[in-house]
C-alpha atoms as a PDB file:
ATOM      1  CA  UNK A   1     -13.353-154.514 161.778  1.00  0.00           C
ATOM      2  CA  UNK A   2     -11.577-153.028 164.785  1.00  0.00           C
ATOM      3  CA  UNK A   3      -8.080-151.720 164.293  1.00  0.00           C
ATOM      4  CA  UNK A   4      -5.290-153.677 165.909  1.00  0.00           C
ATOM      5  CA  UNK A   5      -3.704-152.031 168.907  1.00  0.00           C
ATOM      6  CA  UNK A   6      -0.266-150.615 168.195  1.00  0.00           C
ATOM      7  CA  UNK A   7       2.688-152.347 169.792  1.00  0.00           C
ATOM      8  CA  UNK A   8       4.212-150.618 172.777  1.00  0.00           C
ATOM      9  CA  UNK A   9       7.915-149.750 172.744  1.00  0.00           C
ATOM     10  CA  UNK A  10       8.558-152.654 175.110  1.00  0.00           C
ATOM     11  CA  UNK A  11       6.725-155.113 172.858  1.00  0.00           C
ATOM     12  CA  UNK A  12       8.665-153.847 169.832  1.00  0.00           C
ATOM     13  CA  UNK A  13      11.945-154.445 171.681  1.00  0.00           C
ATOM     14  CA  UNK A  14      10.826-157.958 172.609  1.00  0.00           C
ATOM     15  CA  UNK A  15       9.877-158.790 169.006  1.00  0.00           C
ATOM     16  CA  UNK A  16      13.207-157.427 167.761  1.00  0.00           C
ATOM     17  CA  UNK A  17      15.125-159.456 170.365  1.00  0.00           C
ATOM     18  CA  UNK A  18      13.295-162.664 169.379  1.00  0.00           C
ATOM     19  CA  UNK A  19      14.106-162.049 165.723  1.00  0.00           C
ATOM     20  CA  UNK A  20      17.793-161.498 166.553  1.00  0.00           C
ATOM     21  CA  UNK A  21      17.878-164.778 168.498  1.00  0.00           C
ATOM     22  CA  UNK A  22      16.326-166.670 165.585  1.00  0.00           C
ATOM     23  CA  UNK A  23      18.804-165.165 163.123  1.00  0.00           C
ATOM     24  CA  UNK A  24      21.714-166.013 165.413  1.00  0.00           C
ATOM     25  CA  UNK A  25      20.588-169.641 165.661  1.00  0.00           C
ATOM     26  CA  UNK A  26      20.384-169.833 161.879  1.00  0.00           C
ATOM     27  CA  UNK A  27      23.914-168.424 161.544  1.00  0.00           C
ATOM     28  CA  UNK A  28      25.259-170.903 164.114  1.00  0.00           C
ATOM     29  CA  UNK A  29      23.938-173.957 162.280  1.00  0.00           C
ATOM     30  CA  UNK A  30      26.728-175.592 160.258  1.00  0.00           C
ATOM     31  CA  UNK A  31      26.553-175.503 156.481  1.00  0.00           C
ATOM     32  CA  UNK A  32      26.642-179.175 155.492  1.00  0.00           C
ATOM     33  CA  UNK A  33      28.436-180.176 152.302  1.00  0.00           C
ATOM     34  CA  UNK A  34      29.263-183.495 150.641  1.00  0.00           C
ATOM     35  CA  UNK A  35      26.450-185.257 152.456  1.00  0.00           C
ATOM     36  CA  UNK A  36      25.920-188.994 152.118  1.00  0.00           C
ATOM     37  CA  UNK A  37      22.812-190.599 150.698  1.00  0.00           C
ATOM     38  CA  UNK A  38      19.737-190.303 152.888  1.00  0.00           C
ATOM     39  CA  UNK A  39      19.095-193.116 155.335  1.00  0.00           C
ATOM     40  CA  UNK A  40      16.353-193.898 157.828  1.00  0.00           C
ATOM     41  CA  UNK A  41      16.842-193.611 161.552  1.00  0.00           C
ATOM     42  CA  UNK A  42      15.052-193.569 164.881  1.00  0.00           C
ATOM     43  CA  UNK A  43      15.247-190.456 167.025  1.00  0.00           C
ATOM     44  CA  UNK A  44      16.592-191.376 170.466  1.00  0.00           C
ATOM     45  CA  UNK A  45      16.712-188.066 172.314  1.00  0.00           C
ATOM     46  CA  UNK A  46      16.669-184.375 171.559  1.00  0.00           C
ATOM     47  CA  UNK A  47      18.859-181.518 172.800  1.00  0.00           C
ATOM     48  CA  UNK A  48      17.514-178.228 171.491  1.00  0.00           C
ATOM     49  CA  UNK A  49      18.541-177.966 167.838  1.00  0.00           C
ATOM     50  CA  UNK A  50      20.319-181.337 167.912  1.00  0.00           C
ATOM     51  CA  UNK A  51      19.281-184.957 168.400  1.00  0.00           C
ATOM     52  CA  UNK A  52      20.756-188.414 168.729  1.00  0.00           C
ATOM     53  CA  UNK A  53      19.594-190.751 165.971  1.00  0.00           C
ATOM     54  CA  UNK A  54      20.067-194.513 165.636  1.00  0.00           C
ATOM     55  CA  UNK A  55      20.617-195.611 162.048  1.00  0.00           C
ATOM     56  CA  UNK A  56      18.281-198.397 160.924  1.00  0.00           C
ATOM     57  CA  UNK A  57      21.051-199.557 158.599  1.00  0.00           C
ATOM     58  CA  UNK A  58      24.060-200.066 160.880  1.00  0.00           C
ATOM     59  CA  UNK A  59      22.525-199.559 164.391  1.00  0.00           C
ATOM     60  CA  UNK A  60      25.061-196.813 165.128  1.00  0.00           C
ATOM     61  CA  UNK A  61      24.102-193.649 166.984  1.00  0.00           C
ATOM     62  CA  UNK A  62      24.805-190.282 165.378  1.00  0.00           C
ATOM     63  CA  UNK A  63      24.556-186.741 166.709  1.00  0.00           C
ATOM     64  CA  UNK A  64      22.525-184.749 164.184  1.00  0.00           C
ATOM     65  CA  UNK A  65      21.396-181.195 163.657  1.00  0.00           C
ATOM     66  CA  UNK A  66      17.700-180.629 162.992  1.00  0.00           C
ATOM     67  CA  UNK A  67      16.446-178.691 159.994  1.00  0.00           C
ATOM     68  CA  UNK A  68      14.328-175.760 161.115  1.00  0.00           C
ATOM     69  CA  UNK A  69      11.170-176.802 159.264  1.00  0.00           C
ATOM     70  CA  UNK A  70      10.771-180.133 161.068  1.00  0.00           C
ATOM     71  CA  UNK A  71       8.453-178.993 163.844  1.00  0.00           C
ATOM     72  CA  UNK A  72       9.180-180.709 167.158  1.00  0.00           C
ATOM     73  CA  UNK A  73      10.776-184.159 166.695  1.00  0.00           C
ATOM     74  CA  UNK A  74      10.582-186.442 169.745  1.00  0.00           C
ATOM     75  CA  UNK A  75      11.891-189.892 170.711  1.00  0.00           C
ATOM     76  CA  UNK A  76      10.189-192.559 168.622  1.00  0.00           C
ATOM     77  CA  UNK A  77      10.053-190.449 165.481  1.00  0.00           C
ATOM     78  CA  UNK A  78      11.266-192.187 162.338  1.00  0.00           C
ATOM     79  CA  UNK A  79      13.477-189.743 160.450  1.00  0.00           C
ATOM     80  CA  UNK A  80      15.507-189.382 157.277  1.00  0.00           C
ATOM     81  CA  UNK A  81      19.063-188.082 157.774  1.00  0.00           C
ATOM     82  CA  UNK A  82      22.374-187.627 155.992  1.00  0.00           C
ATOM     83  CA  UNK A  83      25.993-187.657 157.191  1.00  0.00           C
ATOM     84  CA  UNK A  84      28.977-185.500 156.308  1.00  0.00           C
ATOM     85  CA  UNK A  85      32.510-186.968 155.983  1.00  0.00           C
ATOM     86  CA  UNK A  86      33.027-186.535 159.757  1.00  0.00           C
ATOM     87  CA  UNK A  87      29.840-188.508 160.504  1.00  0.00           C
ATOM     88  CA  UNK A  88      28.087-185.373 161.680  1.00  0.00           C
ATOM     89  CA  UNK A  89      24.476-185.695 160.654  1.00  0.00           C
ATOM     90  CA  UNK A  90      21.518-183.557 159.691  1.00  0.00           C
ATOM     91  CA  UNK A  91      17.909-184.686 160.018  1.00  0.00           C
ATOM     92  CA  UNK A  92      16.061-183.595 156.901  1.00  0.00           C
ATOM     93  CA  UNK A  93      12.588-185.116 157.246  1.00  0.00           C
ATOM     94  CA  UNK A  94      10.179-186.801 159.640  1.00  0.00           C
ATOM     95  CA  UNK A  95       7.949-189.682 158.634  1.00  0.00           C
ATOM     96  CA  UNK A  96       4.252-189.488 159.449  1.00  0.00           C
ATOM     97  CA  UNK A  97       3.492-190.506 163.035  1.00  0.00           C
ATOM     98  CA  UNK A  98       1.184-193.423 163.787  1.00  0.00           C
ATOM     99  CA  UNK A  99       0.552-192.259 167.351  1.00  0.00           C
ATOM    100  CA  UNK A 100       1.783-189.791 169.927  1.00  0.00           C
ATOM    101  CA  UNK A 101       1.522-189.269 173.660  1.00  0.00           C
ATOM    102  CA  UNK A 102       1.506-185.758 175.078  1.00  0.00           C
ATOM    103  CA  UNK A 103       1.129-183.999 178.376  1.00  0.00           C
ATOM    104  CA  UNK A 104      -0.193-180.498 179.066  1.00  0.00           C
ATOM    105  CA  UNK A 105       2.413-177.827 179.662  1.00  0.00           C
ATOM    106  CA  UNK A 106       1.675-174.405 181.097  1.00  0.00           C
ATOM    107  CA  UNK A 107       3.903-172.697 178.523  1.00  0.00           C
ATOM    108  CA  UNK A 108       3.790-175.035 175.518  1.00  0.00           C
ATOM    109  CA  UNK A 109       0.187-176.244 175.315  1.00  0.00           C
ATOM    110  CA  UNK A 110       0.178-180.012 174.857  1.00  0.00           C
ATOM    111  CA  UNK A 111       3.801-181.156 174.734  1.00  0.00           C
ATOM    112  CA  UNK A 112       4.402-184.392 172.824  1.00  0.00           C
ATOM    113  CA  UNK A 113       6.848-186.622 174.723  1.00  0.00           C
ATOM    114  CA  UNK A 114       6.988-189.685 172.453  1.00  0.00           C
ATOM    115  CA  UNK A 115       5.838-190.757 168.998  1.00  0.00           C
ATOM    116  CA  UNK A 116       4.861-194.020 167.312  1.00  0.00           C
ATOM    117  CA  UNK A 117       4.232-195.886 170.574  1.00  0.00           C
ATOM    118  CA  UNK A 118       1.542-198.504 171.199  1.00  0.00           C
ATOM    119  CA  UNK A 119       2.038-199.374 174.863  1.00  0.00           C
ATOM    120  CA  UNK A 120       2.329-197.217 177.985  1.00  0.00           C
ATOM    121  CA  UNK A 121       3.796-198.543 181.236  1.00  0.00           C
ATOM    122  CA  UNK A 122       2.322-196.408 184.029  1.00  0.00           C
ATOM    123  CA  UNK A 123       4.708-196.796 186.962  1.00  0.00           C
ATOM    124  CA  UNK A 124       3.429-196.335 190.526  1.00  0.00           C
ATOM    125  CA  UNK A 125       5.048-197.011 193.897  1.00  0.00           C
ATOM    126  CA  UNK A 126       4.407-196.758 197.650  1.00  0.00           C
ATOM    127  CA  UNK A 127       7.220-194.192 197.877  1.00  0.00           C
ATOM    128  CA  UNK A 128       6.642-191.476 196.836  1.00  0.00           C
ATOM    129  CA  UNK A 129       3.126-192.024 198.154  1.00  0.00           C
ATOM    130  CA  UNK A 130       0.754-193.938 195.882  1.00  0.00           C
ATOM    131  CA  UNK A 131      -1.786-191.683 194.170  1.00  0.00           C
ATOM    132  CA  UNK A 132      -4.836-193.232 192.535  1.00  0.00           C
ATOM    133  CA  UNK A 133      -5.691-189.749 191.251  1.00  0.00           C
ATOM    134  CA  UNK A 134      -2.435-189.444 189.311  1.00  0.00           C
ATOM    135  CA  UNK A 135      -2.838-193.005 188.038  1.00  0.00           C
ATOM    136  CA  UNK A 136      -6.355-192.253 186.784  1.00  0.00           C
ATOM    137  CA  UNK A 137      -5.150-189.099 185.071  1.00  0.00           C
ATOM    138  CA  UNK A 138      -2.501-191.088 183.197  1.00  0.00           C
ATOM    139  CA  UNK A 139      -4.945-193.837 182.249  1.00  0.00           C
ATOM    140  CA  UNK A 140      -7.401-191.235 180.969  1.00  0.00           C
ATOM    141  CA  UNK A 141      -4.742-189.666 178.737  1.00  0.00           C
ATOM    142  CA  UNK A 142      -3.594-193.087 177.499  1.00  0.00           C
ATOM    143  CA  UNK A 143      -7.119-194.232 176.637  1.00  0.00           C
ATOM    144  CA  UNK A 144      -7.847-191.005 174.754  1.00  0.00           C
ATOM    145  CA  UNK A 145      -4.639-191.535 172.770  1.00  0.00           C
ATOM    146  CA  UNK A 146      -5.944-195.024 171.805  1.00  0.00           C
ATOM    147  CA  UNK A 147      -2.963-196.752 173.406  1.00  0.00           C
ATOM    148  CA  UNK A 148      -2.721-199.817 175.642  1.00  0.00           C
ATOM    149  CA  UNK A 149      -1.664-199.462 179.271  1.00  0.00           C
ATOM    150  CA  UNK A 150       0.109-201.699 181.793  1.00  0.00           C
ATOM    151  CA  UNK A 151       0.326-200.665 185.443  1.00  0.00           C
ATOM    152  CA  UNK A 152       3.771-201.311 186.941  1.00  0.00           C
ATOM    153  CA  UNK A 153       3.714-201.418 190.747  1.00  0.00           C
ATOM    154  CA  UNK A 154       7.370-200.794 191.588  1.00  0.00           C
ATOM    155  CA  UNK A 155       9.142-201.016 194.971  1.00  0.00           C
ATOM    156  CA  UNK A 156       6.984-204.000 195.882  1.00  0.00           C
ATOM    157  CA  UNK A 157       9.549-204.953 198.508  1.00  0.00           C
ATOM    158  CA  UNK A 158       8.273-202.078 200.733  1.00  0.00           C
ATOM    159  CA  UNK A 159       5.611-204.276 202.328  1.00  0.00           C
ATOM    160  CA  UNK A 160       5.027-201.950 205.301  1.00  0.00           C
ATOM    161  CA  UNK A 161       4.286-198.968 203.050  1.00  0.00           C
ATOM    162  CA  UNK A 162       2.080-201.083 200.768  1.00  0.00           C
ATOM    163  CA  UNK A 163      -0.013-202.262 203.713  1.00  0.00           C
ATOM    164  CA  UNK A 164      -0.225-198.827 205.347  1.00  0.00           C
ATOM    165  CA  UNK A 165      -1.550-197.243 202.137  1.00  0.00           C
ATOM    166  CA  UNK A 166      -3.827-200.186 201.267  1.00  0.00           C
ATOM    167  CA  UNK A 167      -2.266-200.292 197.800  1.00  0.00           C
ATOM    168  CA  UNK A 168      -3.000-203.961 197.065  1.00  0.00           C
ATOM    169  CA  UNK A 169      -6.747-203.405 197.416  1.00  0.00           C
ATOM    170  CA  UNK A 170      -6.594-200.228 195.325  1.00  0.00           C
ATOM    171  CA  UNK A 171      -4.730-201.952 192.496  1.00  0.00           C
ATOM    172  CA  UNK A 172      -7.266-204.798 192.561  1.00  0.00           C
ATOM    173  CA  UNK A 173      -9.830-202.271 191.287  1.00  0.00           C
ATOM    174  CA  UNK A 174      -7.780-201.847 188.107  1.00  0.00           C
ATOM    175  CA  UNK A 175      -7.116-205.571 187.768  1.00  0.00           C
ATOM    176  CA  UNK A 176     -10.886-206.219 187.772  1.00  0.00           C
ATOM    177  CA  UNK A 177     -11.283-203.594 185.038  1.00  0.00           C
ATOM    178  CA  UNK A 178      -8.935-205.587 182.818  1.00  0.00           C
ATOM    179  CA  UNK A 179      -5.726-203.626 183.322  1.00  0.00           C
ATOM    180  CA  UNK A 180      -2.615-205.750 183.629  1.00  0.00           C
ATOM    181  CA  UNK A 181      -0.766-205.048 186.887  1.00  0.00           C
ATOM    182  CA  UNK A 182       2.883-206.124 187.167  1.00  0.00           C
ATOM    183  CA  UNK A 183       4.481-206.140 190.620  1.00  0.00           C
ATOM    184  CA  UNK A 184       8.145-205.155 190.434  1.00  0.00           C
ATOM    185  CA  UNK A 185      11.054-204.700 192.813  1.00  0.00           C
ATOM    186  CA  UNK A 186      14.123-203.220 191.179  1.00  0.00           C
ATOM    187  CA  UNK A 187      15.940-203.819 194.467  1.00  0.00           C
ATOM    188  CA  UNK A 188      15.369-207.571 194.199  1.00  0.00           C
ATOM    189  CA  UNK A 189      15.062-207.571 190.383  1.00  0.00           C
ATOM    190  CA  UNK A 190      11.619-209.182 190.637  1.00  0.00           C
ATOM    191  CA  UNK A 191       9.137-208.626 187.813  1.00  0.00           C
ATOM    192  CA  UNK A 192      11.699-207.181 185.379  1.00  0.00           C
ATOM    193  CA  UNK A 193      11.489-210.249 183.140  1.00  0.00           C
ATOM    194  CA  UNK A 194       7.717-209.716 182.797  1.00  0.00           C
ATOM    195  CA  UNK A 195       8.241-206.139 181.649  1.00  0.00           C
ATOM    196  CA  UNK A 196      10.920-207.277 179.215  1.00  0.00           C
ATOM    197  CA  UNK A 197       8.599-209.904 177.717  1.00  0.00           C
ATOM    198  CA  UNK A 198       5.795-207.372 177.322  1.00  0.00           C
ATOM    199  CA  UNK A 199       8.050-204.721 175.776  1.00  0.00           C
ATOM    200  CA  UNK A 200      10.301-206.747 173.446  1.00  0.00           C
ATOM    201  CA  UNK A 201       7.975-206.444 170.451  1.00  0.00           C
ATOM    202  CA  UNK A 202       6.274-203.175 171.429  1.00  0.00           C
ATOM    203  CA  UNK A 203       7.016-199.489 171.049  1.00  0.00           C
ATOM    204  CA  UNK A 204       6.499-198.362 174.613  1.00  0.00           C
ATOM    205  CA  UNK A 205       7.110-195.603 177.140  1.00  0.00           C
ATOM    206  CA  UNK A 206       7.554-195.484 180.913  1.00  0.00           C
ATOM    207  CA  UNK A 207       5.564-192.701 182.578  1.00  0.00           C
ATOM    208  CA  UNK A 208       4.942-191.861 186.207  1.00  0.00           C
ATOM    209  CA  UNK A 209       5.608-189.637 189.167  1.00  0.00           C
ATOM    210  CA  UNK A 210       9.158-188.503 189.895  1.00  0.00           C
ATOM    211  CA  UNK A 211      10.903-191.037 192.106  1.00  0.00           C
ATOM    212  CA  UNK A 212       8.822-194.140 191.312  1.00  0.00           C
ATOM    213  CA  UNK A 213      11.875-195.829 189.782  1.00  0.00           C
ATOM    214  CA  UNK A 214      11.501-195.574 186.002  1.00  0.00           C
ATOM    215  CA  UNK A 215      15.229-195.102 185.425  1.00  0.00           C
ATOM    216  CA  UNK A 216      16.011-198.012 187.769  1.00  0.00           C
ATOM    217  CA  UNK A 217      13.785-200.228 185.612  1.00  0.00           C
ATOM    218  CA  UNK A 218      15.638-199.019 182.506  1.00  0.00           C
ATOM    219  CA  UNK A 219      18.984-199.840 184.142  1.00  0.00           C
ATOM    220  CA  UNK A 220      17.908-203.446 184.678  1.00  0.00           C
ATOM    221  CA  UNK A 221      16.471-203.821 181.180  1.00  0.00           C
ATOM    222  CA  UNK A 222      19.521-202.192 179.554  1.00  0.00           C
ATOM    223  CA  UNK A 223      22.467-202.750 181.954  1.00  0.00           C
ATOM    224  CA  UNK A 224      24.990-201.411 179.409  1.00  0.00           C
ATOM    225  CA  UNK A 225      23.249-198.017 179.362  1.00  0.00           C
ATOM    226  CA  UNK A 226      23.120-196.819 182.960  1.00  0.00           C
ATOM    227  CA  UNK A 227      20.670-193.988 183.707  1.00  0.00           C
ATOM    228  CA  UNK A 228      21.042-191.591 186.633  1.00  0.00           C
ATOM    229  CA  UNK A 229      18.819-192.358 189.650  1.00  0.00           C
ATOM    230  CA  UNK A 230      18.026-190.366 192.798  1.00  0.00           C
ATOM    231  CA  UNK A 231      16.542-191.241 196.157  1.00  0.00           C
ATOM    232  CA  UNK A 232      13.104-190.061 197.288  1.00  0.00           C
ATOM    233  CA  UNK A 233      13.249-187.195 199.784  1.00  0.00           C
ATOM    234  CA  UNK A 234      12.726-188.557 203.285  1.00  0.00           C
ATOM    235  CA  UNK A 235      11.146-185.336 204.532  1.00  0.00           C
ATOM    236  CA  UNK A 236       8.652-184.548 201.776  1.00  0.00           C
ATOM    237  CA  UNK A 237       8.214-188.154 200.526  1.00  0.00           C
ATOM    238  CA  UNK A 238       8.377-186.682 197.023  1.00  0.00           C
ATOM    239  CA  UNK A 239      10.514-187.896 194.154  1.00  0.00           C
ATOM    240  CA  UNK A 240      13.383-185.871 192.758  1.00  0.00           C
ATOM    241  CA  UNK A 241      13.681-185.259 189.022  1.00  0.00           C
ATOM    242  CA  UNK A 242      16.528-187.294 187.515  1.00  0.00           C
ATOM    243  CA  UNK A 243      15.534-187.827 183.872  1.00  0.00           C
ATOM    244  CA  UNK A 244      15.366-184.349 182.341  1.00  0.00           C
ATOM    245  CA  UNK A 245      14.575-185.344 178.742  1.00  0.00           C
ATOM    246  CA  UNK A 246      12.847-188.340 177.174  1.00  0.00           C
ATOM    247  CA  UNK A 247      15.260-190.967 175.895  1.00  0.00           C
ATOM    248  CA  UNK A 248      14.665-194.053 173.763  1.00  0.00           C
ATOM    249  CA  UNK A 249      16.253-197.451 174.429  1.00  0.00           C
ATOM    250  CA  UNK A 250      16.200-199.968 171.577  1.00  0.00           C
ATOM    251  CA  UNK A 251      16.015-203.707 172.259  1.00  0.00           C
ATOM    252  CA  UNK A 252      18.647-205.876 170.532  1.00  0.00           C
ATOM    253  CA  UNK A 253      15.969-207.485 168.342  1.00  0.00           C
ATOM    254  CA  UNK A 254      15.267-203.987 166.896  1.00  0.00           C
ATOM    255  CA  UNK A 255      11.549-204.787 167.034  1.00  0.00           C
ATOM    256  CA  UNK A 256      10.837-203.004 170.309  1.00  0.00           C
ATOM    257  CA  UNK A 257      11.895-199.946 172.253  1.00  0.00           C
ATOM    258  CA  UNK A 258      11.123-198.198 175.529  1.00  0.00           C
ATOM    259  CA  UNK A 259      11.177-194.445 176.080  1.00  0.00           C
ATOM    260  CA  UNK A 260      12.147-193.275 179.570  1.00  0.00           C
ATOM    261  CA  UNK A 261      10.259-190.022 180.198  1.00  0.00           C
ATOM    262  CA  UNK A 262      10.873-187.311 182.810  1.00  0.00           C
ATOM    263  CA  UNK A 263       8.904-187.757 186.018  1.00  0.00           C
ATOM    264  CA  UNK A 264       6.214-185.323 187.072  1.00  0.00           C
ATOM    265  CA  UNK A 265       4.303-184.588 190.277  1.00  0.00           C
ATOM    266  CA  UNK A 266       1.081-183.445 188.639  1.00  0.00           C
ATOM    267  CA  UNK A 267      -0.566-184.351 185.344  1.00  0.00           C
ATOM    268  CA  UNK A 268      -3.223-181.946 184.121  1.00  0.00           C
ATOM    269  CA  UNK A 269      -5.995-182.890 181.712  1.00  0.00           C
ATOM    270  CA  UNK A 270      -7.226-179.414 180.921  1.00  0.00           C
ATOM    271  CA  UNK A 271      -6.799-180.122 177.200  1.00  0.00           C
ATOM    272  CA  UNK A 272      -9.575-182.737 177.340  1.00  0.00           C
ATOM    273  CA  UNK A 273     -13.312-182.029 177.275  1.00  0.00           C
ATOM    274  CA  UNK A 274     -15.734-183.653 179.718  1.00  0.00           C
ATOM    275  CA  UNK A 275     -16.811-186.453 177.296  1.00  0.00           C
ATOM    276  CA  UNK A 276     -13.150-187.310 176.694  1.00  0.00           C
ATOM    277  CA  UNK A 277     -12.460-187.511 180.414  1.00  0.00           C
ATOM    278  CA  UNK A 278     -15.517-189.723 180.804  1.00  0.00           C
ATOM    279  CA  UNK A 279     -14.154-191.916 177.991  1.00  0.00           C
ATOM    280  CA  UNK A 280     -10.985-192.376 180.037  1.00  0.00           C
ATOM    281  CA  UNK A 281     -12.900-194.399 182.642  1.00  0.00           C
ATOM    282  CA  UNK A 282     -13.596-197.661 180.850  1.00  0.00           C
ATOM    283  CA  UNK A 283     -16.197-198.896 183.360  1.00  0.00           C
ATOM    284  CA  UNK A 284     -18.410-195.880 182.592  1.00  0.00           C
ATOM    285  CA  UNK A 285     -18.964-196.968 178.994  1.00  0.00           C
ATOM    286  CA  UNK A 286     -21.974-199.313 179.523  1.00  0.00           C
ATOM    287  CA  UNK A 287     -23.856-196.528 181.324  1.00  0.00           C
ATOM    288  CA  UNK A 288     -23.169-193.581 179.022  1.00  0.00           C
ATOM    289  CA  UNK A 289     -26.381-192.556 177.264  1.00  0.00           C
ATOM    290  CA  UNK A 290     -28.634-193.896 179.992  1.00  0.00           C
ATOM    291  CA  UNK A 291     -28.870-190.705 182.050  1.00  0.00           C
ATOM    292  CA  UNK A 292     -32.029-188.627 182.465  1.00  0.00           C
ATOM    293  CA  UNK A 293     -30.375-185.536 180.986  1.00  0.00           C
ATOM    294  CA  UNK A 294     -28.543-185.615 177.662  1.00  0.00           C
ATOM    295  CA  UNK A 295     -25.849-183.189 178.891  1.00  0.00           C
ATOM    296  CA  UNK A 296     -25.275-185.037 182.174  1.00  0.00           C
ATOM    297  CA  UNK A 297     -21.734-184.628 183.509  1.00  0.00           C
ATOM    298  CA  UNK A 298     -22.125-187.588 185.916  1.00  0.00           C
ATOM    299  CA  UNK A 299     -21.107-185.475 188.893  1.00  0.00           C
ATOM    300  CA  UNK A 300     -24.266-184.556 190.810  1.00  0.00           C
ATOM    301  CA  UNK A 301     -27.210-184.671 188.397  1.00  0.00           C
ATOM    302  CA  UNK A 302     -30.412-186.546 189.300  1.00  0.00           C
ATOM    303  CA  UNK A 303     -31.165-189.577 187.192  1.00  0.00           C
ATOM    304  CA  UNK A 304     -27.499-190.199 186.332  1.00  0.00           C
ATOM    305  CA  UNK A 305     -26.929-193.837 185.371  1.00  0.00           C
ATOM    306  CA  UNK A 306     -23.234-193.688 186.335  1.00  0.00           C
ATOM    307  CA  UNK A 307     -23.978-192.319 189.825  1.00  0.00           C
ATOM    308  CA  UNK A 308     -26.605-195.068 190.223  1.00  0.00           C
ATOM    309  CA  UNK A 309     -23.977-197.658 189.261  1.00  0.00           C
ATOM    310  CA  UNK A 310     -21.661-196.225 191.925  1.00  0.00           C
ATOM    311  CA  UNK A 311     -24.415-196.504 194.541  1.00  0.00           C
ATOM    312  CA  UNK A 312     -25.047-200.104 193.460  1.00  0.00           C
ATOM    313  CA  UNK A 313     -21.278-200.796 193.772  1.00  0.00           C
ATOM    314  CA  UNK A 314     -21.005-201.643 190.079  1.00  0.00           C
ATOM    315  CA  UNK A 315     -18.450-198.841 189.722  1.00  0.00           C
ATOM    316  CA  UNK A 316     -15.742-198.288 192.353  1.00  0.00           C
ATOM    317  CA  UNK A 317     -16.538-195.130 194.309  1.00  0.00           C
ATOM    318  CA  UNK A 318     -12.849-194.177 194.396  1.00  0.00           C
ATOM    319  CA  UNK A 319     -12.693-194.109 190.602  1.00  0.00           C
ATOM    320  CA  UNK A 320     -15.855-192.014 190.304  1.00  0.00           C
ATOM    321  CA  UNK A 321     -14.591-189.580 192.953  1.00  0.00           C
ATOM    322  CA  UNK A 322     -11.331-189.179 191.034  1.00  0.00           C
ATOM    323  CA  UNK A 323     -13.368-188.506 187.887  1.00  0.00           C
ATOM    324  CA  UNK A 324     -15.334-185.804 189.718  1.00  0.00           C
ATOM    325  CA  UNK A 325     -12.112-184.188 190.965  1.00  0.00           C
ATOM    326  CA  UNK A 326     -10.683-184.106 187.451  1.00  0.00           C
ATOM    327  CA  UNK A 327     -13.850-182.467 186.130  1.00  0.00           C
ATOM    328  CA  UNK A 328     -13.742-179.926 188.972  1.00  0.00           C
ATOM    329  CA  UNK A 329     -10.068-179.096 188.373  1.00  0.00           C
ATOM    330  CA  UNK A 330     -10.738-178.523 184.676  1.00  0.00           C
ATOM    331  CA  UNK A 331     -13.436-176.006 185.441  1.00  0.00           C
ATOM    332  CA  UNK A 332     -11.301-173.950 187.868  1.00  0.00           C
END
């Protein structure tokens, strides 16, 4: 067995500095005494070592500290917490998750953004520009997480942009595949009732590009909890980040909630293998296993049943091209 390389002086200083920071955080955490009996709650949002938790007993929201052995709690997590006499809380345990949705992060691996959800609203819009590639990346991640998806086409009042980008025809591809597409205009408040009906009894999350209007949808669904919104840049036609951390909104019936997640401009799938990416395209399923070569990637191999289906217009060429681009980007 090869000997481990010795740490350099710089690495030793870095390790020592990290240890000092950890010890300082531990010292700064309050020492809770006279805590109440444990009660169940729903984590709403997280701020470093603290989180907001809604009690499932009295529906009140409490600011709580997080015990260090909890891992990484996220909105949607069911937790057990206690309160001190000043109603300052401490989260002591997390219940087992039934599901989770994550996104790749360059510095954190796969970052979980929400837990215990069963429905994902993928929000698209004509401004910032509609991207079928980004939509397909989201749908691939959602399908591999075994969750249901609804496509929300927001800003449907921008008829000129919709026509110029041929968005109606592009969304028809997904409608034919069985995806539900809801046309929404937060400006005119059209389509909001449909989203509300779909979400009332579900544990859901809004995802999408920055600037597509997720927070505006939240503001109409929960008018007493106004979220910050920003305009899309007129020069770059790109959205500006407004939601900086995922936040959960609970419906009055307590049966459903929606998590508003931070917008992104790119959504990598490097954490998925080629078969998983293929699984994300539901129309490929009848043709998988029918290729000439067992290890076919369905990109350029002869005798590929999926490529043949594209040529026969049984699979939309746009979808297959997006699949090929995802495969190519994962191999870079």
